Amino acid sequence: MSAMSAPPPPPEEEEEEAVPLAGVGAVAVAGNDRVLAAAHHIVKSLATSKNAADDMIRILSGFDYRFSTITSDHFPSPSPSPSNSHSHSDPSEAPSLSDFDDAAQLIHLWDTTPEALVFEAPEDDAAHYLAAVDVAVDHLAAGGPAAASGRAGVAVQLAMARLEDELRHLMLRHAVPLDASGLYCSLRRLSLESMDDLDTSSEFDPATPHSQEGAPDTARSASLVGNPFDDQLFDLVRPDAVDELRAIAERMGRAGYASELVQVYCGIRRDLLDECLTVLGVERLSIDEVQRVEWKQLNDKMKKWVHGVKTVVRSLLTGERRLCDQVLAVSDELRDECFVESTKVCIMQILNFGDAVAVCPRSPEKVSRILDMYEALAEVIPELKELYYGTPGDDVICDLEGVLGRLGDAVKGNLLEFGKVLQQESSRRPMMAGEIHPITRYVMNYLRLLVVYSDTLDKLLDEDAARDVDHNASNGGADDDEEYLQSLTPLGHRLVKLMSYLEANLEEKSKLYEDVALQCIFSMNNTLYIVQKVKDSELGRILGDHWTRRRRGKIRQNSKSYLRISWTKVLSYLKDDGHSSGSGSLGNSSSRVKEKFKNFNFAFDEIYRSQTLWKVPDPQLREELKISISENVIPAYRAFLGRYGSLVDNGRNSGKYIKYTPEDLENQLSDLFEGSLGSANHSRRRL
């Protein structure tokens, strides 16, 4: 029966520690009355209901008929439940010594079987034991006779040692393993939903150098509004064990064993959280270890950290706070202390990695991933402030904000490094066909990625932008430039500066071409690429129309320069040297006309051979250049041919001088800027 299910009593110990059960035999010798009184006392102490009392009387009667005179009608009602038994005790009044003796006996009985567990026994046994602990604690607190003799202290000490073991066992046995796959599925679902709001034009062209090793990755975690785990609460301990854990914690707290409670509770929860971090892939790495990791591996670890931070805060720490509030309700101070102590190592492991990344050597490709880390941490800090409230949590929040600041400094430092790389990059190999330079593709894709983080970068770069405006004004910047800069956001200021570095770099690279006309083609190709990337992304909104108009003007200027440099000499052979048919003009001089046709053919063929190999990737710019050339060359050739062609056409070997018809020239010009040798089918040469 439940009332008698405590472990069997140990052999008799010291006489002063004897309990009523151990003295039953001695009482029986003294007389029937004392035997009946002892039996009555046993039934009264151990029975929790009238049915249990009747069962015990029936069992005793089987041993001796005299016990049948005992009745259960006058026994008191059952003991209060363990959850509220202590609430009825007045600490100023010690329980009766007989109540304490019964409680002490039960505590001693359980102590003789350390391998047995109270909360593994039937439910009534746990209730009886907790009630006995309440009696012993109340007796010790009230300073009754047993307290003065030290018996109450011994009983409480034994009870606390057992409850400590029981607490440890329950917490380990009922801990819920982390379902990492479920958490990652939730994170992935949220990430995919939020990515729909991103500008898809910010993705890098996989064919560009930016997508090669060492280039920033476009994948990022978009900001999540609110707490996505509000409808997905994770129990860290099985709910059916929480009441038992709370009952143990309440008694350890009332008995003055709060430090032992903190040690056991925090030690177990700390180890379990550490295992959860391992499952999530958040590793414990020192600064030296992080700095030795290759970028590809570090990039993966940074991505896991971003997901891990959100998971830890929104599921683990939120669940940990809830568990502390449920189990440690005995004391607000104890609850807050245990939460901080349980989670401090987990938080420090997260922060240490963030610190290690923040002090890593500067490298442009790290900016986007560090920004992901910065945004993830900034996003969860308000949630952490709600978890770590009160004095114990102040240091944790301070550490979090410190790491956030250092990550922000790392972003700014890496952007400064990116600017230095642009200024100092000095490759001396020109693009053979005047095409778009790889650095142009890299930089523009890089800048298009930065604007995805525009809100964050505007906050981080605010002070730097103000200094840029002051610097420009102090150096006598043009009024329109100063007004334009003042209209920009902090990120806009930084983008303008980085663009200027790129343009200056490209200007130097254009000088690597000996052919000045090819310098113009190179400049047009790269400037147009920059303008298109700006126009087709958020860069256009940030930089504005003023910036774009200036670059388009530069393209037109380069186009005019190209026409002048490439075709002025060719067109000079189609001009009459004089103004009349008199002296100094071509007049009827067949030889001079032949010479001009010959020079024109030679100059045109030379341009054709070289500029068909040049490349203008943009079809619209390529077509506009061809049209401009045709509008200048074809009418001049047609007029010259019509005026002087008869002087050559009637002679011998006329095809040697008049190689092209106007239509032939039109077809020849269509081969320009294709990046390959022209097609022979386009030239119908007169033989």
Foldseek 3Di string as FASTA:
>chain_A
DLLPPFADADPDDDPVLDFLVNCLVVQVVVDDVSNLVSLLLSLLLRDQAQVSSVVSLVVVCVVPVSSVVDHSPPRDHGQDFLVCRLVPDDLQDAPDPSNLRSLLRSLNSNLVPLVDAQVVDPPSSVRSNSNSLSNLLSNCSNVDPCVVVCNSVVSNVSSLVRLLVNLLVQLVVFFDADPLVVLVVLQVVQQVVQCVPFDVLLAADCVAPLVDPQHAHLDFRDADPDQSCPVPADARGPPVCLVVLQSSLLSCVSSVNLVSVLVSLLVVLQVSLVVVCVVLLLDQDALVRLQPDDPVVNLVNLVSLLSVLSCCLRYVLVNLLVSLCRRNVNDPVSSLLSSCSNCVVVLVSSLRSLQSVLPHPAGLNCLRSLLNVLSSLVSCLVSVCVSNDDDSSPVSSVSSVVSSVSSLVSNVVNLVVLLVCLQPDDDLDADQQLAADSVLSRVLSSLLSVVSSVVVVLVSQVVVLVVLLVVCVVVPHDPVVSVLSVPAGSSLSSVVSSVVSNLVNLLVNLVSDPQVLSSLSNLLNSLVVNLVSCVSGCNCVRNDPVVSVVSVVSNVVSLVVNCCRLCVVLLVLLDFQDDDLDPRTCNLVLVSNLVSLLVNVVSVVVCLQSQLQHARPPVVVLVVSLVVNLVRPLVSVQVSCVVCVVSQVPDPPSLNRCFQDSQLVSLSSVSGRHNDRDDPVSHDTDD
